[in-house]
C-alpha atoms as a PDB file:
ATOM      1  CA  MET A   1      33.520   9.874  57.765  1.00  0.00           C
ATOM      2  CA  LYS A   2      29.757   9.821  57.116  1.00  0.00           C
ATOM      3  CA  LYS A   3      27.576   8.135  59.713  1.00  0.00           C
ATOM      4  CA  HIS A   4      25.715   4.990  58.644  1.00  0.00           C
ATOM      5  CA  ARG A   5      21.939   5.273  58.206  1.00  0.00           C
ATOM      6  CA  SER A   6      19.547   2.309  58.303  1.00  0.00           C
ATOM      7  CA  GLY A   7      15.819   1.873  58.588  1.00  0.00           C
ATOM      8  CA  PHE A   8      12.512   0.461  57.427  1.00  0.00           C
ATOM      9  CA  VAL A   9      10.588   2.311  54.723  1.00  0.00           C
ATOM     10  CA  ASN A  10       7.100   0.885  54.357  1.00  0.00           C
ATOM     11  CA  ILE A  11       5.019   1.520  51.232  1.00  0.00           C
ATOM     12  CA  ILE A  12       1.234   1.464  51.564  1.00  0.00           C
ATOM     13  CA  GLY A  13      -1.755   2.496  49.436  1.00  0.00           C
ATOM     14  CA  ASN A  14      -4.859   1.312  47.620  1.00  0.00           C
ATOM     15  CA  PRO A  15      -4.614  -1.555  45.066  1.00  0.00           C
ATOM     16  CA  ASN A  16      -3.149  -0.742  41.613  1.00  0.00           C
ATOM     17  CA  VAL A  17      -1.457   2.461  42.740  1.00  0.00           C
ATOM     18  CA  GLY A  18       2.035   1.386  41.597  1.00  0.00           C
ATOM     19  CA  LYS A  19       3.643   0.359  44.906  1.00  0.00           C
ATOM     20  CA  SER A  20       5.384  -2.673  43.388  1.00  0.00           C
ATOM     21  CA  THR A  21       6.685  -0.622  40.432  1.00  0.00           C
ATOM     22  CA  LEU A  22       8.192   1.891  42.863  1.00  0.00           C
ATOM     23  CA  MET A  23       9.709  -0.835  45.044  1.00  0.00           C
ATOM     24  CA  ASN A  24      11.365  -2.484  42.023  1.00  0.00           C
ATOM     25  CA  ALA A  25      12.620   0.910  40.777  1.00  0.00           C
ATOM     26  CA  PHE A  26      14.269   1.589  44.160  1.00  0.00           C
ATOM     27  CA  VAL A  27      15.798  -1.902  44.424  1.00  0.00           C
ATOM     28  CA  GLY A  28      16.825  -2.193  40.767  1.00  0.00           C
ATOM     29  CA  GLU A  29      15.474  -5.762  40.640  1.00  0.00           C
ATOM     30  CA  LYS A  30      12.053  -7.246  40.010  1.00  0.00           C
ATOM     31  CA  LEU A  31      11.168  -8.425  43.517  1.00  0.00           C
ATOM     32  CA  SER A  32       7.445  -7.619  43.514  1.00  0.00           C
ATOM     33  CA  ILE A  33       5.239  -8.996  40.751  1.00  0.00           C
ATOM     34  CA  ILE A  34       3.302  -6.431  38.743  1.00  0.00           C
ATOM     35  CA  THR A  35      -0.003  -6.761  36.894  1.00  0.00           C
ATOM     36  CA  SER A  36      -2.934  -4.434  36.280  1.00  0.00           C
ATOM     37  CA  LYS A  37      -5.171  -6.617  38.474  1.00  0.00           C
ATOM     38  CA  ALA A  38      -6.045  -5.666  42.050  1.00  0.00           C
ATOM     39  CA  GLN A  39      -4.617  -7.786  44.890  1.00  0.00           C
ATOM     40  CA  THR A  40      -1.524  -8.800  42.910  1.00  0.00           C
ATOM     41  CA  THR A  41       0.638  -8.423  46.039  1.00  0.00           C
ATOM     42  CA  ARG A  42      -0.482 -10.812  48.791  1.00  0.00           C
ATOM     43  CA  HIS A  43       2.523 -10.807  51.132  1.00  0.00           C
ATOM     44  CA  ARG A  44       4.749  -8.181  52.690  1.00  0.00           C
ATOM     45  CA  ILE A  45       7.943  -8.274  50.633  1.00  0.00           C
ATOM     46  CA  LEU A  46      11.203  -6.686  51.767  1.00  0.00           C
ATOM     47  CA  GLY A  47      13.657  -5.237  49.277  1.00  0.00           C
ATOM     48  CA  ILE A  48      17.036  -4.130  50.636  1.00  0.00           C
ATOM     49  CA  VAL A  49      19.076  -1.337  49.049  1.00  0.00           C
ATOM     50  CA  ASN A  50      22.667  -1.061  50.303  1.00  0.00           C
ATOM     51  CA  GLY A  51      25.238   1.686  49.977  1.00  0.00           C
ATOM     52  CA  ASP A  52      28.564   2.312  51.726  1.00  0.00           C
ATOM     53  CA  ASP A  53      26.871   4.418  54.393  1.00  0.00           C
ATOM     54  CA  PHE A  54      23.229   3.309  54.256  1.00  0.00           C
ATOM     55  CA  GLN A  55      20.836   0.369  54.217  1.00  0.00           C
ATOM     56  CA  VAL A  56      17.231   1.041  53.176  1.00  0.00           C
ATOM     57  CA  ILE A  57      14.821  -1.796  53.941  1.00  0.00           C
ATOM     58  CA  LEU A  58      11.807  -1.256  51.705  1.00  0.00           C
ATOM     59  CA  SER A  59       8.558  -3.049  52.353  1.00  0.00           C
ATOM     60  CA  ASP A  60       5.889  -3.551  49.665  1.00  0.00           C
ATOM     61  CA  THR A  61       2.521  -4.472  51.205  1.00  0.00           C
ATOM     62  CA  PRO A  62      -0.800  -5.635  49.712  1.00  0.00           C
ATOM     63  CA  GLY A  63      -3.158  -2.898  48.488  1.00  0.00           C
ATOM     64  CA  ILE A  64      -5.612  -1.791  51.168  1.00  0.00           C
ATOM     65  CA  ILE A  65      -9.053  -3.396  50.767  1.00  0.00           C
ATOM     66  CA  LYS A  66     -12.081  -4.313  52.875  1.00  0.00           C
ATOM     67  CA  PRO A  67     -11.499  -8.053  53.516  1.00  0.00           C
ATOM     68  CA  ALA A  68     -14.167 -10.444  52.167  1.00  0.00           C
ATOM     69  CA  TYR A  69     -12.566 -13.768  53.189  1.00  0.00           C
ATOM     70  CA  GLU A  70      -9.798 -15.192  55.379  1.00  0.00           C
ATOM     71  CA  LEU A  71      -6.965 -14.699  52.846  1.00  0.00           C
ATOM     72  CA  GLN A  72      -7.792 -10.996  52.490  1.00  0.00           C
ATOM     73  CA  THR A  73      -7.912 -10.570  56.292  1.00  0.00           C
ATOM     74  CA  SER A  74      -4.421 -12.053  56.444  1.00  0.00           C
ATOM     75  CA  MET A  75      -3.272  -9.695  53.657  1.00  0.00           C
ATOM     76  CA  MET A  76      -4.499  -6.703  55.700  1.00  0.00           C
ATOM     77  CA  ASP A  77      -2.552  -8.021  58.709  1.00  0.00           C
ATOM     78  CA  PHE A  78       0.615  -7.533  56.623  1.00  0.00           C
ATOM     79  CA  VAL A  79      -0.424  -3.889  56.094  1.00  0.00           C
ATOM     80  CA  LYS A  80      -1.051  -3.392  59.837  1.00  0.00           C
ATOM     81  CA  SER A  81       2.436  -4.721  60.590  1.00  0.00           C
ATOM     82  CA  ALA A  82       3.870  -2.120  58.189  1.00  0.00           C
ATOM     83  CA  PHE A  83       2.763   0.647  60.573  1.00  0.00           C
ATOM     84  CA  GLU A  84       4.492  -0.985  63.522  1.00  0.00           C
ATOM     85  CA  ASP A  85       8.154  -0.976  62.465  1.00  0.00           C
ATOM     86  CA  ALA A  86       8.407   1.871  59.933  1.00  0.00           C
ATOM     87  CA  ASP A  87      11.023   4.617  60.263  1.00  0.00           C
ATOM     88  CA  VAL A  88       9.522   6.350  57.217  1.00  0.00           C
ATOM     89  CA  LEU A  89       6.025   5.749  55.848  1.00  0.00           C
ATOM     90  CA  VAL A  90       5.463   6.086  52.109  1.00  0.00           C
ATOM     91  CA  TYR A  91       1.787   6.567  51.265  1.00  0.00           C
ATOM     92  CA  MET A  92       1.199   6.219  47.530  1.00  0.00           C
ATOM     93  CA  VAL A  93      -1.830   7.668  45.789  1.00  0.00           C
ATOM     94  CA  GLU A  94      -2.564   8.281  42.147  1.00  0.00           C
ATOM     95  CA  ILE A  95      -4.002  11.295  40.393  1.00  0.00           C
ATOM     96  CA  GLY A  96      -7.762  11.490  41.012  1.00  0.00           C
ATOM     97  CA  GLU A  97      -7.741   9.371  44.180  1.00  0.00           C
ATOM     98  CA  LYS A  98      -9.556  10.830  47.178  1.00  0.00           C
ATOM     99  CA  GLY A  99      -8.599   8.578  50.111  1.00  0.00           C
ATOM    100  CA  LEU A 100      -7.931   5.085  51.441  1.00  0.00           C
ATOM    101  CA  LYS A 101     -10.447   2.254  51.214  1.00  0.00           C
ATOM    102  CA  ASP A 102     -10.144   1.841  54.985  1.00  0.00           C
ATOM    103  CA  GLU A 103     -10.836   4.803  57.289  1.00  0.00           C
ATOM    104  CA  ALA A 104      -8.872   3.325  60.223  1.00  0.00           C
ATOM    105  CA  PHE A 105      -5.680   3.055  58.141  1.00  0.00           C
ATOM    106  CA  PHE A 106      -6.102   6.662  57.005  1.00  0.00           C
ATOM    107  CA  LYS A 107      -6.413   7.808  60.642  1.00  0.00           C
ATOM    108  CA  LYS A 108      -3.138   5.989  61.401  1.00  0.00           C
ATOM    109  CA  ILE A 109      -1.384   7.922  58.630  1.00  0.00           C
ATOM    110  CA  GLU A 110      -2.937  11.197  59.831  1.00  0.00           C
ATOM    111  CA  ASN A 111      -1.716  10.608  63.397  1.00  0.00           C
ATOM    112  CA  SER A 112       1.661   9.143  62.448  1.00  0.00           C
ATOM    113  CA  LYS A 113       4.590  10.177  64.644  1.00  0.00           C
ATOM    114  CA  ILE A 114       7.104   9.189  61.958  1.00  0.00           C
ATOM    115  CA  PRO A 115       7.787  11.085  58.691  1.00  0.00           C
ATOM    116  CA  VAL A 116       5.149  10.469  55.991  1.00  0.00           C
ATOM    117  CA  LEU A 117       6.000  10.935  52.318  1.00  0.00           C
ATOM    118  CA  LEU A 118       2.874  11.154  50.185  1.00  0.00           C
ATOM    119  CA  LEU A 119       3.789  10.171  46.637  1.00  0.00           C
ATOM    120  CA  LEU A 120       1.359  11.346  43.996  1.00  0.00           C
ATOM    121  CA  ASN A 121       1.942   8.704  41.313  1.00  0.00           C
ATOM    122  CA  LYS A 122       1.117   8.474  37.586  1.00  0.00           C
ATOM    123  CA  ILE A 123       1.539  12.216  37.036  1.00  0.00           C
ATOM    124  CA  ASP A 124       2.599  11.407  33.454  1.00  0.00           C
ATOM    125  CA  THR A 125      -1.102  10.723  32.784  1.00  0.00           C
ATOM    126  CA  SER A 126      -2.403  14.123  33.987  1.00  0.00           C
ATOM    127  CA  GLU A 127      -2.456  17.833  33.136  1.00  0.00           C
ATOM    128  CA  GLN A 128      -0.585  20.418  35.244  1.00  0.00           C
ATOM    129  CA  SER A 129      -3.837  22.004  36.512  1.00  0.00           C
ATOM    130  CA  MET A 130      -5.086  18.610  37.746  1.00  0.00           C
ATOM    131  CA  LEU A 131      -1.755  17.995  39.492  1.00  0.00           C
ATOM    132  CA  GLU A 132      -1.912  21.353  41.304  1.00  0.00           C
ATOM    133  CA  GLU A 133      -5.504  20.681  42.380  1.00  0.00           C
ATOM    134  CA  GLN A 134      -4.497  17.247  43.714  1.00  0.00           C
ATOM    135  CA  ILE A 135      -1.539  18.635  45.681  1.00  0.00           C
ATOM    136  CA  GLN A 136      -3.886  21.145  47.365  1.00  0.00           C
ATOM    137  CA  HIS A 137      -6.404  18.360  48.118  1.00  0.00           C
ATOM    138  CA  TRP A 138      -3.789  16.212  49.863  1.00  0.00           C
ATOM    139  CA  GLN A 139      -2.170  19.144  51.690  1.00  0.00           C
ATOM    140  CA  LYS A 140      -5.549  19.792  53.349  1.00  0.00           C
ATOM    141  CA  LEU A 141      -6.094  16.110  54.211  1.00  0.00           C
ATOM    142  CA  LEU A 142      -2.560  15.398  55.478  1.00  0.00           C
ATOM    143  CA  PRO A 143      -0.900  18.709  56.404  1.00  0.00           C
ATOM    144  CA  LYS A 144       2.060  16.969  58.105  1.00  0.00           C
ATOM    145  CA  ALA A 145       2.952  14.821  55.063  1.00  0.00           C
ATOM    146  CA  GLU A 146       5.593  15.792  52.504  1.00  0.00           C
ATOM    147  CA  ILE A 147       4.078  15.608  49.015  1.00  0.00           C
ATOM    148  CA  HIS A 148       6.187  14.447  46.060  1.00  0.00           C
ATOM    149  CA  PRO A 149       4.723  14.088  42.534  1.00  0.00           C
ATOM    150  CA  ILE A 150       6.259  11.046  40.777  1.00  0.00           C
ATOM    151  CA  SER A 151       5.874   8.577  37.937  1.00  0.00           C
ATOM    152  CA  ALA A 152       7.156   5.207  39.163  1.00  0.00           C
ATOM    153  CA  LEU A 153       6.749   3.690  35.693  1.00  0.00           C
ATOM    154  CA  GLU A 154       8.700   6.477  33.926  1.00  0.00           C
ATOM    155  CA  ASN A 155      11.191   6.768  36.834  1.00  0.00           C
ATOM    156  CA  PHE A 156      10.347  10.468  37.192  1.00  0.00           C
ATOM    157  CA  ASN A 157      11.403  11.974  40.556  1.00  0.00           C
ATOM    158  CA  VAL A 158      12.111   8.468  41.951  1.00  0.00           C
ATOM    159  CA  GLU A 159      15.789   9.167  42.676  1.00  0.00           C
ATOM    160  CA  GLU A 160      14.917  12.465  44.402  1.00  0.00           C
ATOM    161  CA  VAL A 161      12.419  10.655  46.666  1.00  0.00           C
ATOM    162  CA  PHE A 162      15.042   8.011  47.469  1.00  0.00           C
ATOM    163  CA  GLN A 163      17.545  10.723  48.467  1.00  0.00           C
ATOM    164  CA  ARG A 164      14.905  12.301  50.716  1.00  0.00           C
ATOM    165  CA  ILE A 165      14.291   8.895  52.357  1.00  0.00           C
ATOM    166  CA  LEU A 166      18.028   8.626  53.097  1.00  0.00           C
ATOM    167  CA  GLU A 167      17.952  12.033  54.813  1.00  0.00           C
ATOM    168  CA  LEU A 168      15.038  10.918  57.022  1.00  0.00           C
ATOM    169  CA  LEU A 169      16.502   7.569  58.113  1.00  0.00           C
ATOM    170  CA  PRO A 170      17.994   7.297  61.618  1.00  0.00           C
ATOM    171  CA  GLU A 171      21.694   6.713  62.193  1.00  0.00           C
ATOM    172  CA  ALA A 172      22.028   2.964  62.770  1.00  0.00           C
ATOM    173  CA  PRO A 173      24.146  -0.034  61.712  1.00  0.00           C
ATOM    174  CA  PRO A 174      22.800  -2.322  58.951  1.00  0.00           C
ATOM    175  CA  PHE A 175      20.054  -4.763  59.972  1.00  0.00           C
ATOM    176  CA  TYR A 176      20.881  -7.312  57.238  1.00  0.00           C
ATOM    177  CA  PRO A 177      24.118  -8.501  55.580  1.00  0.00           C
ATOM    178  CA  LYS A 178      25.216  -5.969  52.974  1.00  0.00           C
ATOM    179  CA  ASP A 179      24.946  -8.440  50.075  1.00  0.00           C
ATOM    180  CA  GLN A 180      21.340  -9.388  50.875  1.00  0.00           C
ATOM    181  CA  LEU A 181      18.606  -8.222  48.490  1.00  0.00           C
ATOM    182  CA  THR A 182      15.471  -9.486  50.239  1.00  0.00           C
ATOM    183  CA  ASP A 183      14.207 -11.491  53.220  1.00  0.00           C
ATOM    184  CA  LYS A 184      12.396 -14.040  51.047  1.00  0.00           C
ATOM    185  CA  PRO A 185      13.835 -17.423  49.902  1.00  0.00           C
ATOM    186  CA  GLU A 186      14.280 -18.394  46.241  1.00  0.00           C
ATOM    187  CA  ARG A 187      11.148 -20.555  46.229  1.00  0.00           C
ATOM    188  CA  PHE A 188       9.044 -17.520  47.132  1.00  0.00           C
ATOM    189  CA  PHE A 189      10.119 -15.742  43.917  1.00  0.00           C
ATOM    190  CA  VAL A 190       9.432 -18.864  41.867  1.00  0.00           C
ATOM    191  CA  ASN A 191       5.906 -19.015  43.324  1.00  0.00           C
ATOM    192  CA  GLU A 192       5.304 -15.314  42.731  1.00  0.00           C
ATOM    193  CA  THR A 193       6.603 -15.394  39.153  1.00  0.00           C
ATOM    194  CA  ILE A 194       4.276 -18.285  38.273  1.00  0.00           C
ATOM    195  CA  ARG A 195       1.385 -16.508  39.999  1.00  0.00           C
ATOM    196  CA  GLU A 196       2.102 -13.336  38.026  1.00  0.00           C
ATOM    197  CA  LYS A 197       1.802 -15.273  34.754  1.00  0.00           C
ATOM    198  CA  ILE A 198      -1.516 -16.725  35.916  1.00  0.00           C
ATOM    199  CA  LEU A 199      -2.762 -13.209  36.728  1.00  0.00           C
ATOM    200  CA  LEU A 200      -1.763 -12.100  33.228  1.00  0.00           C
ATOM    201  CA  ASN A 201      -3.185 -15.075  31.308  1.00  0.00           C
ATOM    202  CA  TYR A 202      -6.481 -15.906  33.038  1.00  0.00           C
ATOM    203  CA  LYS A 203      -9.629 -13.912  33.698  1.00  0.00           C
ATOM    204  CA  LYS A 204     -12.344 -13.507  36.337  1.00  0.00           C
ATOM    205  CA  GLU A 205     -11.986 -15.525  39.530  1.00  0.00           C
ATOM    206  CA  ILE A 206      -9.211 -17.909  38.401  1.00  0.00           C
ATOM    207  CA  PRO A 207      -6.143 -15.832  39.470  1.00  0.00           C
ATOM    208  CA  TYR A 208      -7.636 -15.170  42.909  1.00  0.00           C
ATOM    209  CA  ALA A 209      -8.397 -18.848  43.554  1.00  0.00           C
ATOM    210  CA  VAL A 210      -4.763 -19.807  42.855  1.00  0.00           C
ATOM    211  CA  GLU A 211      -1.811 -20.354  45.176  1.00  0.00           C
ATOM    212  CA  VAL A 212       1.558 -21.738  44.049  1.00  0.00           C
ATOM    213  CA  GLU A 213       3.841 -24.022  46.032  1.00  0.00           C
ATOM    214  CA  THR A 214       7.328 -24.979  44.867  1.00  0.00           C
ATOM    215  CA  GLU A 215       8.036 -28.537  45.983  1.00  0.00           C
ATOM    216  CA  GLU A 216      11.478 -28.865  44.440  1.00  0.00           C
ATOM    217  CA  PHE A 217      14.258 -26.332  43.825  1.00  0.00           C
ATOM    218  CA  LEU A 218      17.483 -28.080  42.865  1.00  0.00           C
ATOM    219  CA  GLU A 219      20.379 -25.895  41.803  1.00  0.00           C
ATOM    220  CA  ASP A 220      23.663 -27.014  40.303  1.00  0.00           C
ATOM    221  CA  GLU A 221      26.365 -25.117  38.442  1.00  0.00           C
ATOM    222  CA  ASN A 222      24.563 -24.811  35.115  1.00  0.00           C
ATOM    223  CA  ILE A 223      20.842 -25.283  35.742  1.00  0.00           C
ATOM    224  CA  ILE A 224      18.058 -24.911  38.303  1.00  0.00           C
ATOM    225  CA  ARG A 225      15.401 -27.641  38.253  1.00  0.00           C
ATOM    226  CA  ILE A 226      12.046 -26.567  39.641  1.00  0.00           C
ATOM    227  CA  ARG A 227       8.839 -28.480  40.302  1.00  0.00           C
ATOM    228  CA  SER A 228       5.861 -26.343  41.328  1.00  0.00           C
ATOM    229  CA  VAL A 229       2.234 -27.092  42.082  1.00  0.00           C
ATOM    230  CA  ILE A 230      -0.567 -24.681  41.218  1.00  0.00           C
ATOM    231  CA  MET A 231      -3.384 -25.019  43.764  1.00  0.00           C
ATOM    232  CA  VAL A 232      -6.968 -24.211  42.751  1.00  0.00           C
ATOM    233  CA  GLU A 233     -10.233 -24.507  44.682  1.00  0.00           C
ATOM    234  CA  ARG A 234     -12.370 -26.462  42.173  1.00  0.00           C
ATOM    235  CA  ASN A 235     -12.060 -29.078  39.415  1.00  0.00           C
ATOM    236  CA  THR A 236     -13.479 -26.665  36.825  1.00  0.00           C
ATOM    237  CA  GLN A 237     -10.655 -24.224  37.644  1.00  0.00           C
ATOM    238  CA  LYS A 238      -8.108 -27.016  37.204  1.00  0.00           C
ATOM    239  CA  GLY A 239      -9.392 -27.626  33.667  1.00  0.00           C
ATOM    240  CA  ILE A 240      -9.169 -23.918  32.789  1.00  0.00           C
ATOM    241  CA  ILE A 241      -5.611 -23.622  34.143  1.00  0.00           C
ATOM    242  CA  ILE A 242      -4.452 -26.663  32.118  1.00  0.00           C
ATOM    243  CA  GLY A 243      -6.305 -25.649  28.929  1.00  0.00           C
ATOM    244  CA  HIS A 244      -6.816 -27.673  25.740  1.00  0.00           C
ATOM    245  CA  LYS A 245      -4.179 -30.437  25.624  1.00  0.00           C
ATOM    246  CA  GLY A 246      -2.189 -28.561  28.299  1.00  0.00           C
ATOM    247  CA  SER A 247      -1.663 -25.496  26.084  1.00  0.00           C
ATOM    248  CA  ALA A 248      -2.574 -22.858  28.704  1.00  0.00           C
ATOM    249  CA  LEU A 249      -0.365 -24.406  31.399  1.00  0.00           C
ATOM    250  CA  LYS A 250       2.526 -24.722  28.943  1.00  0.00           C
ATOM    251  CA  LYS A 251       2.264 -21.008  28.116  1.00  0.00           C
ATOM    252  CA  VAL A 252       2.484 -20.101  31.833  1.00  0.00           C
ATOM    253  CA  GLY A 253       5.518 -22.384  32.201  1.00  0.00           C
ATOM    254  CA  VAL A 254       7.353 -20.850  29.233  1.00  0.00           C
ATOM    255  CA  GLN A 255       6.727 -17.266  30.406  1.00  0.00           C
ATOM    256  CA  ALA A 256       7.726 -18.051  34.006  1.00  0.00           C
ATOM    257  CA  ARG A 257      10.902 -19.842  32.884  1.00  0.00           C
ATOM    258  CA  LYS A 258      12.041 -16.807  30.833  1.00  0.00           C
ATOM    259  CA  ASP A 259      11.611 -14.454  33.815  1.00  0.00           C
ATOM    260  CA  LEU A 260      13.260 -16.861  36.254  1.00  0.00           C
ATOM    261  CA  GLU A 261      16.271 -17.316  33.963  1.00  0.00           C
ATOM    262  CA  LYS A 262      16.709 -13.527  34.021  1.00  0.00           C
ATOM    263  CA  PHE A 263      16.224 -13.367  37.800  1.00  0.00           C
ATOM    264  CA  PHE A 264      18.638 -16.203  38.648  1.00  0.00           C
ATOM    265  CA  ALA A 265      20.991 -15.562  35.672  1.00  0.00           C
ATOM    266  CA  LYS A 266      21.011 -19.284  34.990  1.00  0.00           C
ATOM    267  CA  GLN A 267      19.236 -21.881  32.848  1.00  0.00           C
ATOM    268  CA  VAL A 268      15.940 -23.031  34.391  1.00  0.00           C
ATOM    269  CA  HIS A 269      13.922 -26.202  33.842  1.00  0.00           C
ATOM    270  CA  ILE A 270      10.409 -25.955  35.255  1.00  0.00           C
ATOM    271  CA  GLU A 271       7.655 -28.544  35.677  1.00  0.00           C
ATOM    272  CA  LEU A 272       4.143 -27.395  36.591  1.00  0.00           C
ATOM    273  CA  TYR A 273       1.297 -29.462  38.040  1.00  0.00           C
ATOM    274  CA  VAL A 274      -2.241 -28.471  39.025  1.00  0.00           C
ATOM    275  CA  LYS A 275      -4.017 -29.756  42.142  1.00  0.00           C
ATOM    276  CA  VAL A 276      -7.411 -29.059  43.706  1.00  0.00           C
ATOM    277  CA  ASN A 277      -7.182 -27.780  47.283  1.00  0.00           C
ATOM    278  CA  LYS A 278     -10.802 -26.992  48.215  1.00  0.00           C
ATOM    279  CA  ASN A 279     -11.512 -23.623  49.856  1.00  0.00           C
ATOM    280  CA  TRP A 280      -7.862 -22.990  50.756  1.00  0.00           C
ATOM    281  CA  ARG A 281      -8.551 -19.211  50.872  1.00  0.00           C
ATOM    282  CA  SER A 282     -10.928 -19.658  53.818  1.00  0.00           C
ATOM    283  CA  SER A 283      -8.883 -22.231  55.763  1.00  0.00           C
ATOM    284  CA  SER A 284      -6.565 -20.765  58.405  1.00  0.00           C
ATOM    285  CA  GLN A 285      -4.606 -24.031  58.432  1.00  0.00           C
ATOM    286  CA  GLN A 286      -3.966 -23.864  54.658  1.00  0.00           C
ATOM    287  CA  LEU A 287      -3.189 -20.151  54.798  1.00  0.00           C
ATOM    288  CA  LYS A 288      -0.568 -20.779  57.472  1.00  0.00           C
ATOM    289  CA  ARG A 289       1.003 -23.413  55.238  1.00  0.00           C
ATOM    290  CA  PHE A 290       1.285 -20.837  52.430  1.00  0.00           C
ATOM    291  CA  GLY A 291       2.925 -18.227  54.664  1.00  0.00           C
ATOM    292  CA  TYR A 292      -0.125 -16.175  55.662  1.00  0.00           C
ATOM    293  CA  ASN A 293      -1.539 -15.837  59.202  1.00  0.00           C
ATOM    294  CA  GLY A 294       1.841 -15.000  60.719  1.00  0.00           C
END
């Protein structure tokens, strides 16, 4: 009988490198929201993949940035925590990238005592010569890391990387129940889905000034009724989110409802409201309320 393997596999990298796409490909569910905008991921999200003889606990963290305000400092705290409990560290880069935006994080990877898999993502967008040059570049920078070229979006080499992760995990019993997919509650995914639609539909500062809070999540046999509040920092932002005669807000609601019906496999009724919550991104008290700051 095969021994059971379990462990934490933490995915880190710069913004927009495809960490969330990889996480969702491994899990087979859309747990992390995905947009082309930087700082889409704000929390550390666990995705759990179970087999008869393994449990892989994947962790998608925010992209590494130099923090400019309190929210971003809190986001980087989630990345720091990813170094602390990892059994395998996945460092994702894309073709053409030269290093991390934070020197201290790079030093941690360089000196890591645990296995490091360096995934060279988006290889579907490059020539073979460029790929070979990049592999050499990273071999010099991180000689102890295993380098795997992948395309998370096209699912190229993703299964092979997953099998390698299984080989590297320690023998251990499962940490979570075998039917559990994530450590986050349903309301978290409602909030994130709405926030994804805001990232996709609005420009400039608006998506970054927004936080979503689900005040009501009532589920019965046939339908889930949701009431969520979109927080912004200023009255002008509130007007932009709502749009002419509520048209912009309605569009966000329709798109979010479609995704949530797929996610929960059930009919969803969603009501959205917009409130001004001044300077919430710089208030440690507000950030704590939204699940940041530990």
